Amino acid sequence: MSLLSRLFSKSSPKAPEPIVHKDCRIFAQPVAASGGHRIAARIEKDIAGQTKTHLMQRADTCTSLQEASDLSIAKARQAIDQLGDTLFV
């Protein structure tokens, strides 16, 4: 591969693998906030042949991105356990 093609090629970053919990796919998506990152995640589930999506965002913030990602997944699992398919209504 030539130098110019490497400089100008557009390679998109690899999307993170989802965490699967009770037939739902969880994508941690912390949001940058002042002083840290806000807990947020996208939860998807295939219902009746359609992909349903729930966007979860909390007011909680963490100083590190990794901590915010871990807590986003934990909170999404908790929401799935407590609310089940009503998340997608």
N, C-alpha and C. Protein backbone atom coordinates (compact mmCIF):
# COMPACT_ATOMS: atom_id res chain seq x y z
N MET A 1 0.86 -1.17 0.00
CA MET A 1 0.00 0.00 0.00
C MET A 1 0.90 1.24 0.00
N SER A 2 0.62 2.18 -0.85
CA SER A 2 1.46 3.36 -0.95
C SER A 2 1.20 4.31 0.21
N LEU A 3 2.13 5.21 0.41
CA LEU A 3 2.03 6.18 1.49
C LEU A 3 0.78 7.05 1.34
N LEU A 4 0.51 7.50 0.12
CA LEU A 4 -0.66 8.36 -0.10
C LEU A 4 -1.97 7.62 0.17
N SER A 5 -2.05 6.38 -0.25
CA SER A 5 -3.29 5.64 -0.02
C SER A 5 -3.50 5.38 1.47
N ARG A 6 -2.42 5.18 2.21
CA ARG A 6 -2.56 5.00 3.66
C ARG A 6 -2.98 6.29 4.35
N LEU A 7 -2.48 7.42 3.85
CA LEU A 7 -2.82 8.70 4.46
C LEU A 7 -4.28 9.10 4.22
N PHE A 8 -4.78 8.76 3.02
CA PHE A 8 -6.11 9.24 2.66
C PHE A 8 -7.19 8.17 2.69
N SER A 9 -6.84 6.97 3.04
CA SER A 9 -7.87 5.92 3.11
C SER A 9 -8.72 6.15 4.35
N LYS A 10 -9.98 5.90 4.20
CA LYS A 10 -10.91 6.10 5.30
C LYS A 10 -11.27 4.73 5.85
N SER A 11 -10.66 4.40 6.95
CA SER A 11 -11.02 3.14 7.60
C SER A 11 -11.81 3.49 8.85
N SER A 12 -12.98 2.96 8.93
CA SER A 12 -13.82 3.25 10.08
C SER A 12 -13.37 2.40 11.25
N PRO A 13 -13.44 2.94 12.47
CA PRO A 13 -13.06 2.16 13.63
C PRO A 13 -14.03 1.00 13.82
N LYS A 14 -13.51 -0.11 14.31
CA LYS A 14 -14.33 -1.30 14.51
C LYS A 14 -15.34 -1.04 15.63
N ALA A 15 -16.57 -1.36 15.35
CA ALA A 15 -17.63 -1.17 16.35
C ALA A 15 -17.43 -2.18 17.48
N PRO A 16 -17.69 -1.75 18.72
CA PRO A 16 -17.51 -2.67 19.84
C PRO A 16 -18.53 -3.81 19.79
N GLU A 17 -18.12 -4.96 20.26
CA GLU A 17 -19.02 -6.11 20.31
C GLU A 17 -20.06 -5.87 21.41
N PRO A 18 -21.30 -6.23 21.16
CA PRO A 18 -22.32 -6.04 22.19
C PRO A 18 -22.19 -7.09 23.30
N ILE A 19 -22.69 -6.75 24.46
CA ILE A 19 -22.83 -7.68 25.57
C ILE A 19 -24.24 -8.24 25.45
N VAL A 20 -24.39 -9.56 25.47
CA VAL A 20 -25.71 -10.18 25.35
C VAL A 20 -26.21 -10.56 26.73
N HIS A 21 -27.44 -10.13 27.04
CA HIS A 21 -28.07 -10.42 28.33
C HIS A 21 -29.56 -10.67 28.07
N LYS A 22 -30.02 -11.87 28.37
CA LYS A 22 -31.43 -12.24 28.20
C LYS A 22 -31.96 -11.87 26.81
N ASP A 23 -31.29 -12.30 25.78
CA ASP A 23 -31.67 -12.05 24.38
C ASP A 23 -31.60 -10.59 23.96
N CYS A 24 -31.03 -9.73 24.79
CA CYS A 24 -30.85 -8.32 24.45
C CYS A 24 -29.37 -8.06 24.18
N ARG A 25 -29.11 -7.12 23.29
CA ARG A 25 -27.75 -6.70 23.01
C ARG A 25 -27.53 -5.34 23.67
N ILE A 26 -26.46 -5.24 24.46
CA ILE A 26 -26.15 -4.00 25.17
C ILE A 26 -24.89 -3.40 24.57
N PHE A 27 -24.98 -2.13 24.17
CA PHE A 27 -23.85 -1.39 23.65
C PHE A 27 -23.59 -0.22 24.61
N ALA A 28 -22.50 -0.27 25.35
CA ALA A 28 -22.15 0.83 26.25
C ALA A 28 -21.79 2.04 25.40
N GLN A 29 -22.42 3.18 25.70
CA GLN A 29 -22.16 4.41 24.94
C GLN A 29 -22.09 5.60 25.89
N PRO A 30 -21.08 5.62 26.79
CA PRO A 30 -20.96 6.75 27.71
C PRO A 30 -20.88 8.07 26.95
N VAL A 31 -21.44 9.10 27.55
CA VAL A 31 -21.48 10.42 26.94
C VAL A 31 -20.53 11.34 27.70
N ALA A 32 -19.69 12.07 26.98
CA ALA A 32 -18.78 13.00 27.62
C ALA A 32 -19.58 14.09 28.33
N ALA A 33 -19.22 14.35 29.56
CA ALA A 33 -19.88 15.38 30.36
C ALA A 33 -18.80 16.15 31.10
N SER A 34 -19.16 17.30 31.62
CA SER A 34 -18.15 18.07 32.34
C SER A 34 -17.64 17.26 33.53
N GLY A 35 -16.35 17.10 33.60
CA GLY A 35 -15.74 16.37 34.70
C GLY A 35 -15.75 14.86 34.56
N GLY A 36 -16.18 14.34 33.41
CA GLY A 36 -16.17 12.89 33.27
C GLY A 36 -17.05 12.40 32.14
N HIS A 37 -17.70 11.26 32.40
CA HIS A 37 -18.54 10.62 31.39
C HIS A 37 -19.85 10.19 32.04
N ARG A 38 -20.95 10.48 31.35
CA ARG A 38 -22.28 10.11 31.84
C ARG A 38 -22.59 8.68 31.41
N ILE A 39 -23.25 7.92 32.30
CA ILE A 39 -23.62 6.54 32.04
C ILE A 39 -24.72 6.51 30.99
N ALA A 40 -24.49 5.74 29.91
CA ALA A 40 -25.48 5.62 28.83
C ALA A 40 -25.22 4.32 28.06
N ALA A 41 -26.30 3.77 27.52
CA ALA A 41 -26.18 2.54 26.73
C ALA A 41 -27.34 2.45 25.74
N ARG A 42 -27.11 1.68 24.69
CA ARG A 42 -28.16 1.35 23.73
C ARG A 42 -28.48 -0.12 23.94
N ILE A 43 -29.77 -0.42 24.12
CA ILE A 43 -30.22 -1.80 24.32
C ILE A 43 -31.08 -2.18 23.13
N GLU A 44 -30.76 -3.30 22.51
CA GLU A 44 -31.51 -3.77 21.34
C GLU A 44 -32.03 -5.18 21.58
N LYS A 45 -33.18 -5.47 20.98
CA LYS A 45 -33.74 -6.81 21.03
C LYS A 45 -34.58 -7.02 19.77
N ASP A 46 -34.48 -8.21 19.21
CA ASP A 46 -35.30 -8.56 18.05
C ASP A 46 -36.63 -9.11 18.55
N ILE A 47 -37.72 -8.41 18.21
CA ILE A 47 -39.06 -8.80 18.63
C ILE A 47 -39.93 -8.86 17.38
N ALA A 48 -40.53 -10.01 17.12
CA ALA A 48 -41.42 -10.20 15.98
C ALA A 48 -40.77 -9.78 14.66
N GLY A 49 -39.50 -10.11 14.49
CA GLY A 49 -38.81 -9.83 13.25
C GLY A 49 -38.30 -8.40 13.10
N GLN A 50 -38.47 -7.57 14.12
CA GLN A 50 -37.99 -6.19 14.07
C GLN A 50 -37.01 -5.95 15.21
N THR A 51 -36.01 -5.13 14.94
CA THR A 51 -35.06 -4.76 15.99
C THR A 51 -35.61 -3.55 16.73
N LYS A 52 -35.89 -3.75 18.00
CA LYS A 52 -36.37 -2.66 18.87
C LYS A 52 -35.18 -2.10 19.63
N THR A 53 -35.18 -0.79 19.86
CA THR A 53 -34.06 -0.13 20.53
C THR A 53 -34.55 0.73 21.68
N HIS A 54 -33.81 0.68 22.77
CA HIS A 54 -34.06 1.56 23.91
C HIS A 54 -32.76 2.28 24.21
N LEU A 55 -32.80 3.60 24.29
CA LEU A 55 -31.63 4.39 24.65
C LEU A 55 -31.73 4.76 26.12
N MET A 56 -30.76 4.31 26.89
CA MET A 56 -30.76 4.55 28.32
C MET A 56 -29.68 5.58 28.64
N GLN A 57 -30.03 6.62 29.38
CA GLN A 57 -29.05 7.60 29.83
C GLN A 57 -29.36 7.98 31.26
N ARG A 58 -28.33 7.98 32.09
CA ARG A 58 -28.50 8.30 33.50
C ARG A 58 -27.76 9.58 33.83
N ALA A 59 -28.11 10.17 34.95
CA ALA A 59 -27.45 11.40 35.38
C ALA A 59 -26.11 11.12 36.04
N ASP A 60 -25.86 9.86 36.42
CA ASP A 60 -24.61 9.49 37.09
C ASP A 60 -23.42 9.76 36.18
N THR A 61 -22.33 10.25 36.74
CA THR A 61 -21.11 10.45 35.97
C THR A 61 -19.94 9.73 36.64
N CYS A 62 -18.96 9.38 35.83
CA CYS A 62 -17.73 8.73 36.29
C CYS A 62 -16.55 9.50 35.72
N THR A 63 -15.44 9.45 36.41
CA THR A 63 -14.27 10.17 35.92
C THR A 63 -13.58 9.45 34.77
N SER A 64 -13.60 8.12 34.77
CA SER A 64 -12.92 7.39 33.69
C SER A 64 -13.93 6.80 32.70
N LEU A 65 -13.51 6.72 31.46
CA LEU A 65 -14.35 6.16 30.41
C LEU A 65 -14.62 4.67 30.66
N GLN A 66 -13.61 3.94 31.11
CA GLN A 66 -13.78 2.50 31.36
C GLN A 66 -14.79 2.26 32.48
N GLU A 67 -14.72 3.04 33.54
CA GLU A 67 -15.68 2.90 34.64
C GLU A 67 -17.10 3.22 34.16
N ALA A 68 -17.23 4.26 33.35
CA ALA A 68 -18.55 4.63 32.81
C ALA A 68 -19.09 3.53 31.91
N SER A 69 -18.23 2.90 31.11
CA SER A 69 -18.66 1.79 30.25
C SER A 69 -19.12 0.60 31.08
N ASP A 70 -18.34 0.25 32.09
CA ASP A 70 -18.70 -0.88 32.96
C ASP A 70 -20.02 -0.63 33.68
N LEU A 71 -20.20 0.58 34.21
CA LEU A 71 -21.46 0.90 34.90
C LEU A 71 -22.63 0.99 33.94
N SER A 72 -22.38 1.42 32.71
CA SER A 72 -23.45 1.48 31.71
C SER A 72 -23.99 0.08 31.43
N ILE A 73 -23.09 -0.88 31.32
CA ILE A 73 -23.50 -2.27 31.09
C ILE A 73 -24.25 -2.82 32.29
N ALA A 74 -23.75 -2.54 33.49
CA ALA A 74 -24.41 -3.02 34.71
C ALA A 74 -25.82 -2.44 34.85
N LYS A 75 -25.97 -1.15 34.59
CA LYS A 75 -27.28 -0.51 34.69
C LYS A 75 -28.23 -1.01 33.60
N ALA A 76 -27.71 -1.28 32.42
CA ALA A 76 -28.54 -1.82 31.34
C ALA A 76 -29.04 -3.22 31.71
N ARG A 77 -28.16 -4.04 32.27
CA ARG A 77 -28.58 -5.38 32.72
C ARG A 77 -29.68 -5.27 33.78
N GLN A 78 -29.50 -4.35 34.70
CA GLN A 78 -30.50 -4.14 35.75
C GLN A 78 -31.84 -3.72 35.15
N ALA A 79 -31.82 -2.83 34.19
CA ALA A 79 -33.06 -2.38 33.54
C ALA A 79 -33.74 -3.54 32.82
N ILE A 80 -32.97 -4.38 32.14
CA ILE A 80 -33.53 -5.54 31.44
C ILE A 80 -34.16 -6.50 32.45
N ASP A 81 -33.47 -6.76 33.55
CA ASP A 81 -33.98 -7.67 34.58
C ASP A 81 -35.28 -7.14 35.20
N GLN A 82 -35.34 -5.84 35.43
CA GLN A 82 -36.49 -5.26 36.12
C GLN A 82 -37.67 -5.00 35.18
N LEU A 83 -37.40 -4.56 33.96
CA LEU A 83 -38.47 -4.13 33.07
C LEU A 83 -38.79 -5.10 31.93
N GLY A 84 -37.85 -5.97 31.59
CA GLY A 84 -38.08 -6.93 30.51
C GLY A 84 -38.43 -6.25 29.20
N ASP A 85 -39.40 -6.81 28.49
CA ASP A 85 -39.77 -6.29 27.16
C ASP A 85 -40.49 -4.95 27.22
N THR A 86 -40.92 -4.50 28.40
CA THR A 86 -41.56 -3.19 28.48
C THR A 86 -40.59 -2.05 28.18
N LEU A 87 -39.29 -2.34 28.18
CA LEU A 87 -38.30 -1.34 27.76
C LEU A 87 -38.55 -0.87 26.33
N PHE A 88 -39.12 -1.74 25.53
CA PHE A 88 -39.24 -1.49 24.10
C PHE A 88 -40.64 -1.07 23.66
N VAL A 89 -41.48 -0.73 24.59
CA VAL A 89 -42.86 -0.32 24.27
C VAL A 89 -42.92 1.17 24.04
